[in-house]
Amino acid sequence: MQKLCKYRFYWYELDQALKVGEVTALSCIQDSNPLEIHSGFISGIPIVNVNCKILSIYHPELGYLEDIDTTGLEYCLTLTDGRKFKVEAEEEPGKVYSFPIQPKAWDFQVLLEIL
């Protein structure tokens, strides 16, 4: 079964990394509709682990992405055409370095195959 999920950055190295094609267990907010991928910043709400394969990652201003690496205090995003760019995740969350697009919001749609 495929499920379209909501994913947004909460910064400070608290977000889950995503990679298209990866089979993983994602922590999600229980009973959220649409299903929302959990951030470590959110607390006090029920969480459920979802075993899945990541089919696609989409951002309305950036298009489709291949990978979101949330390791460290600069997130690294890879577009499907291979271009990569860094996003500040601590001092000025959301600031983009050396890339022509500065998104207004960091909300993504992630298509999962639930296993």
Protein backbone atom coordinates (compact mmCIF):
# COMPACT_ATOMS: atom_id res chain seq x y z
CA MET A 1 0.00 0.00 0.00
CA GLN A 2 1.29 3.47 -0.89
CA LYS A 3 0.83 6.42 1.44
CA LEU A 4 1.58 10.11 0.87
CA CYS A 5 3.12 11.62 4.01
CA LYS A 6 3.89 15.06 5.34
CA TYR A 7 7.49 15.88 6.31
CA ARG A 8 8.82 19.22 7.52
CA PHE A 9 12.07 20.38 8.99
CA TYR A 10 12.27 21.25 12.67
CA TRP A 11 16.05 21.77 12.41
CA TYR A 12 18.85 21.33 14.97
CA GLU A 13 19.76 17.82 13.73
CA LEU A 14 16.41 16.48 14.99
CA ASP A 15 14.91 15.45 11.64
CA GLN A 16 15.01 11.98 10.12
CA ALA A 17 17.17 11.48 7.03
CA LEU A 18 15.39 10.29 3.87
CA LYS A 19 16.69 8.63 0.71
CA VAL A 20 14.63 7.48 -2.26
CA GLY A 21 14.76 3.71 -2.67
CA GLU A 22 15.75 3.10 0.94
CA VAL A 23 13.90 0.48 2.99
CA THR A 24 13.67 1.78 6.54
CA ALA A 25 11.55 2.21 9.66
CA LEU A 26 10.35 5.80 10.05
CA SER A 27 8.93 7.23 13.25
CA CYS A 28 5.58 8.84 12.46
CA ILE A 29 2.92 10.63 14.46
CA GLN A 30 0.23 8.10 15.30
CA ASP A 31 -3.22 8.77 13.80
CA SER A 32 -2.02 11.86 11.88
CA ASN A 33 -3.89 12.50 8.64
CA PRO A 34 -2.05 12.74 6.39
CA LEU A 35 0.59 10.62 8.07
CA GLU A 36 3.33 12.93 9.39
CA ILE A 37 6.95 11.85 9.71
CA HIS A 38 8.09 12.62 13.26
CA SER A 39 10.76 15.11 14.26
CA GLY A 40 12.72 14.79 17.49
CA PHE A 41 11.51 18.30 18.31
CA ILE A 42 7.92 17.11 18.77
CA SER A 43 7.26 15.51 22.16
CA GLY A 44 4.35 14.27 24.20
CA ILE A 45 2.46 12.68 21.32
CA PRO A 46 2.05 9.00 20.40
CA ILE A 47 4.56 7.73 17.83
CA VAL A 48 4.37 4.66 15.61
CA ASN A 49 7.23 3.04 13.64
CA VAL A 50 6.35 2.48 10.00
CA ASN A 51 8.33 -0.08 7.97
CA CYS A 52 8.46 1.29 4.46
CA LYS A 53 10.31 1.95 1.24
CA ILE A 54 10.74 5.61 0.29
CA LEU A 55 9.39 6.03 -3.26
CA SER A 56 9.68 9.80 -3.75
CA ILE A 57 10.40 13.07 -1.97
CA TYR A 58 8.80 16.26 -3.34
CA HIS A 59 9.09 19.94 -2.44
CA PRO A 60 6.81 22.47 -4.20
CA GLU A 61 9.65 24.91 -5.02
CA LEU A 62 12.56 22.49 -5.48
CA GLY A 63 10.79 19.64 -7.26
CA TYR A 64 11.78 16.02 -6.67
CA LEU A 65 14.69 15.14 -4.41
CA GLU A 66 16.83 12.03 -4.19
CA ASP A 67 18.14 12.46 -0.67
CA ILE A 68 17.83 14.55 2.50
CA ASP A 69 20.83 14.13 4.78
CA THR A 70 20.11 15.62 8.20
CA THR A 71 23.45 14.71 9.75
CA GLY A 72 25.18 17.71 11.27
CA LEU A 73 24.13 21.30 11.56
CA GLU A 74 23.93 21.84 7.80
CA TYR A 75 21.46 19.59 6.05
CA CYS A 76 22.49 18.42 2.57
CA LEU A 77 19.75 18.02 -0.04
CA THR A 78 20.26 16.22 -3.35
CA LEU A 79 17.91 16.86 -6.26
CA THR A 80 17.10 14.11 -8.75
CA ASP A 81 19.37 15.80 -11.33
CA GLY A 82 22.33 15.30 -8.97
CA ARG A 83 22.69 18.91 -7.80
CA LYS A 84 23.38 19.24 -4.09
CA PHE A 85 23.09 22.15 -1.71
CA LYS A 86 23.37 22.82 2.00
CA VAL A 87 20.79 24.33 4.32
CA GLU A 88 21.66 25.89 7.68
CA ALA A 89 19.99 23.90 10.47
CA GLU A 90 21.17 25.70 13.61
CA GLU A 91 22.12 29.40 13.66
CA GLU A 92 19.90 30.55 10.77
CA PRO A 93 17.59 27.58 10.13
CA GLY A 94 16.45 27.43 6.53
CA LYS A 95 19.19 29.60 5.03
CA VAL A 96 20.39 28.08 1.75
CA TYR A 97 24.04 28.25 0.72
CA SER A 98 25.22 28.59 -2.90
CA PHE A 99 21.95 27.68 -4.59
CA PRO A 100 19.67 29.91 -6.69
CA ILE A 101 16.43 28.91 -4.93
CA GLN A 102 15.62 30.04 -1.37
CA PRO A 103 12.42 28.15 -0.45
CA LYS A 104 9.81 30.03 1.57
CA ALA A 105 8.83 26.90 3.54
CA TRP A 106 10.38 23.51 4.25
CA ASP A 107 7.36 21.25 3.82
CA PHE A 108 7.78 18.07 1.79
CA GLN A 109 5.53 15.31 0.48
CA VAL A 110 7.02 11.84 0.83
CA LEU A 111 5.50 8.86 -0.96
CA LEU A 112 6.00 5.61 0.96
CA GLU A 113 5.34 1.98 0.15
CA ILE A 114 4.16 0.53 3.47
CA LEU A 115 5.70 -2.91 4.00
